[in-house]
Amino acid sequence: MSSFLLGALAMGFLVIAMFFARFFARTRDRFFSFMAVAFLIMSMNQVALMVFGEDSEYRSWLYLVRLAAFVLILVGIYDGMAPVLLSML
């Protein structure tokens, strides 16, 4: 993937993170803070791919960073749904 596309993805993830940060500032719902941090991590991941090169075989740690962002999204979903699920019991 070219540096231009990696930069465009990083910018898109950063814009999404800023939207979620704005939603968090309005509502103070922790779900939006989890999402903002996760998309910020994904944006930094794309920048790291651009800096270190996408063809490097030593970049497997970058997949762990991306995994951490996805786990953060899942934690945010669970954090938002746990009170609802517990009230059903």
C-alpha atoms as a PDB file:
ATOM      1  CA  MET A   1       0.000   0.000   0.000  1.00  0.00           C
ATOM      2  CA  SER A   2       1.356   3.400  -0.836  1.00  0.00           C
ATOM      3  CA  SER A   3       2.277   6.040   1.707  1.00  0.00           C
ATOM      4  CA  PHE A   4      -0.534   8.200   0.371  1.00  0.00           C
ATOM      5  CA  LEU A   5      -3.167   5.584   1.208  1.00  0.00           C
ATOM      6  CA  LEU A   6      -1.645   4.908   4.624  1.00  0.00           C
ATOM      7  CA  GLY A   7      -1.731   8.644   5.326  1.00  0.00           C
ATOM      8  CA  ALA A   8      -5.343   8.869   4.160  1.00  0.00           C
ATOM      9  CA  LEU A   9      -6.304   5.996   6.461  1.00  0.00           C
ATOM     10  CA  ALA A  10      -4.467   7.633   9.366  1.00  0.00           C
ATOM     11  CA  MET A  11      -6.282  10.896   8.719  1.00  0.00           C
ATOM     12  CA  GLY A  12      -9.641   9.122   8.508  1.00  0.00           C
ATOM     13  CA  PHE A  13      -9.048   7.299  11.799  1.00  0.00           C
ATOM     14  CA  LEU A  14      -7.995  10.590  13.400  1.00  0.00           C
ATOM     15  CA  VAL A  15     -11.155  12.358  12.201  1.00  0.00           C
ATOM     16  CA  ILE A  16     -13.298   9.527  13.591  1.00  0.00           C
ATOM     17  CA  ALA A  17     -11.410   9.764  16.908  1.00  0.00           C
ATOM     18  CA  MET A  18     -12.121  13.497  17.045  1.00  0.00           C
ATOM     19  CA  PHE A  19     -15.829  12.921  16.429  1.00  0.00           C
ATOM     20  CA  PHE A  20     -15.986  10.391  19.253  1.00  0.00           C
ATOM     21  CA  ALA A  21     -14.044  12.770  21.527  1.00  0.00           C
ATOM     22  CA  ARG A  22     -16.593  15.491  20.758  1.00  0.00           C
ATOM     23  CA  PHE A  23     -19.456  13.106  21.531  1.00  0.00           C
ATOM     24  CA  PHE A  24     -17.743  12.206  24.809  1.00  0.00           C
ATOM     25  CA  ALA A  25     -17.399  15.887  25.722  1.00  0.00           C
ATOM     26  CA  ARG A  26     -21.133  16.386  25.169  1.00  0.00           C
ATOM     27  CA  THR A  27     -22.498  13.271  26.857  1.00  0.00           C
ATOM     28  CA  ARG A  28     -19.734  12.070  29.218  1.00  0.00           C
ATOM     29  CA  ASP A  29     -20.576   8.515  28.143  1.00  0.00           C
ATOM     30  CA  ARG A  30     -17.503   6.327  28.597  1.00  0.00           C
ATOM     31  CA  PHE A  31     -18.326   4.364  25.439  1.00  0.00           C
ATOM     32  CA  PHE A  32     -17.349   7.380  23.346  1.00  0.00           C
ATOM     33  CA  SER A  33     -14.046   7.765  25.201  1.00  0.00           C
ATOM     34  CA  PHE A  34     -13.190   4.095  24.570  1.00  0.00           C
ATOM     35  CA  MET A  35     -13.991   4.539  20.881  1.00  0.00           C
ATOM     36  CA  ALA A  36     -11.988   7.786  20.607  1.00  0.00           C
ATOM     37  CA  VAL A  37      -8.896   6.204  22.149  1.00  0.00           C
ATOM     38  CA  ALA A  38      -9.258   3.073  19.991  1.00  0.00           C
ATOM     39  CA  PHE A  39      -9.431   5.076  16.766  1.00  0.00           C
ATOM     40  CA  LEU A  40      -6.529   7.255  17.907  1.00  0.00           C
ATOM     41  CA  ILE A  41      -4.487   4.071  18.423  1.00  0.00           C
ATOM     42  CA  MET A  42      -5.457   2.858  14.934  1.00  0.00           C
ATOM     43  CA  SER A  43      -4.403   6.205  13.477  1.00  0.00           C
ATOM     44  CA  MET A  44      -1.018   5.977  15.176  1.00  0.00           C
ATOM     45  CA  ASN A  45      -0.740   2.394  13.928  1.00  0.00           C
ATOM     46  CA  GLN A  46      -1.135   3.561  10.326  1.00  0.00           C
ATOM     47  CA  VAL A  47       1.512   6.248  10.843  1.00  0.00           C
ATOM     48  CA  ALA A  48       3.864   3.628  12.301  1.00  0.00           C
ATOM     49  CA  LEU A  49       3.270   1.420   9.249  1.00  0.00           C
ATOM     50  CA  MET A  50       4.167   4.359   7.038  1.00  0.00           C
ATOM     51  CA  VAL A  51       7.324   5.193   9.015  1.00  0.00           C
ATOM     52  CA  PHE A  52       8.659   1.673   9.476  1.00  0.00           C
ATOM     53  CA  GLY A  53       7.639   0.456   6.046  1.00  0.00           C
ATOM     54  CA  GLU A  54       4.892  -1.962   5.288  1.00  0.00           C
ATOM     55  CA  ASP A  55       7.192  -4.624   3.865  1.00  0.00           C
ATOM     56  CA  SER A  56       9.299  -5.011   6.997  1.00  0.00           C
ATOM     57  CA  GLU A  57       9.139  -8.466   8.522  1.00  0.00           C
ATOM     58  CA  TYR A  58       9.924  -6.993  11.935  1.00  0.00           C
ATOM     59  CA  ARG A  59       6.618  -5.156  12.239  1.00  0.00           C
ATOM     60  CA  SER A  60       4.568  -7.976  13.733  1.00  0.00           C
ATOM     61  CA  TRP A  61       4.277  -5.933  16.944  1.00  0.00           C
ATOM     62  CA  LEU A  62       2.141  -3.481  14.973  1.00  0.00           C
ATOM     63  CA  TYR A  63      -0.542  -6.143  14.734  1.00  0.00           C
ATOM     64  CA  LEU A  64      -0.593  -6.311  18.530  1.00  0.00           C
ATOM     65  CA  VAL A  65      -1.212  -2.563  18.642  1.00  0.00           C
ATOM     66  CA  ARG A  66      -4.131  -3.001  16.241  1.00  0.00           C
ATOM     67  CA  LEU A  67      -5.408  -5.905  18.352  1.00  0.00           C
ATOM     68  CA  ALA A  68      -5.284  -3.668  21.423  1.00  0.00           C
ATOM     69  CA  ALA A  69      -7.449  -1.107  19.622  1.00  0.00           C
ATOM     70  CA  PHE A  70     -10.038  -3.744  18.720  1.00  0.00           C
ATOM     71  CA  VAL A  71     -10.024  -5.113  22.271  1.00  0.00           C
ATOM     72  CA  LEU A  72     -10.601  -1.573  23.517  1.00  0.00           C
ATOM     73  CA  ILE A  73     -13.645  -1.306  21.258  1.00  0.00           C
ATOM     74  CA  LEU A  74     -14.983  -4.584  22.661  1.00  0.00           C
ATOM     75  CA  VAL A  75     -14.369  -3.378  26.227  1.00  0.00           C
ATOM     76  CA  GLY A  76     -16.268  -0.180  25.441  1.00  0.00           C
ATOM     77  CA  ILE A  77     -19.212  -2.149  24.075  1.00  0.00           C
ATOM     78  CA  TYR A  78     -19.207  -4.437  27.107  1.00  0.00           C
ATOM     79  CA  ASP A  79     -18.906  -1.474  29.468  1.00  0.00           C
ATOM     80  CA  GLY A  80     -21.945   0.139  27.888  1.00  0.00           C
ATOM     81  CA  MET A  81     -24.021  -3.034  27.767  1.00  0.00           C
ATOM     82  CA  ALA A  82     -23.133  -4.558  31.164  1.00  0.00           C
ATOM     83  CA  PRO A  83     -25.710  -2.576  33.176  1.00  0.00           C
ATOM     84  CA  VAL A  84     -28.424  -3.475  30.667  1.00  0.00           C
ATOM     85  CA  LEU A  85     -27.488  -7.138  30.695  1.00  0.00           C
ATOM     86  CA  LEU A  86     -27.267  -7.268  34.481  1.00  0.00           C
ATOM     87  CA  SER A  87     -30.696  -5.662  34.851  1.00  0.00           C
ATOM     88  CA  MET A  88     -32.204  -8.496  32.805  1.00  0.00           C
ATOM     89  CA  LEU A  89     -31.114 -11.088  35.363  1.00  0.00           C
END
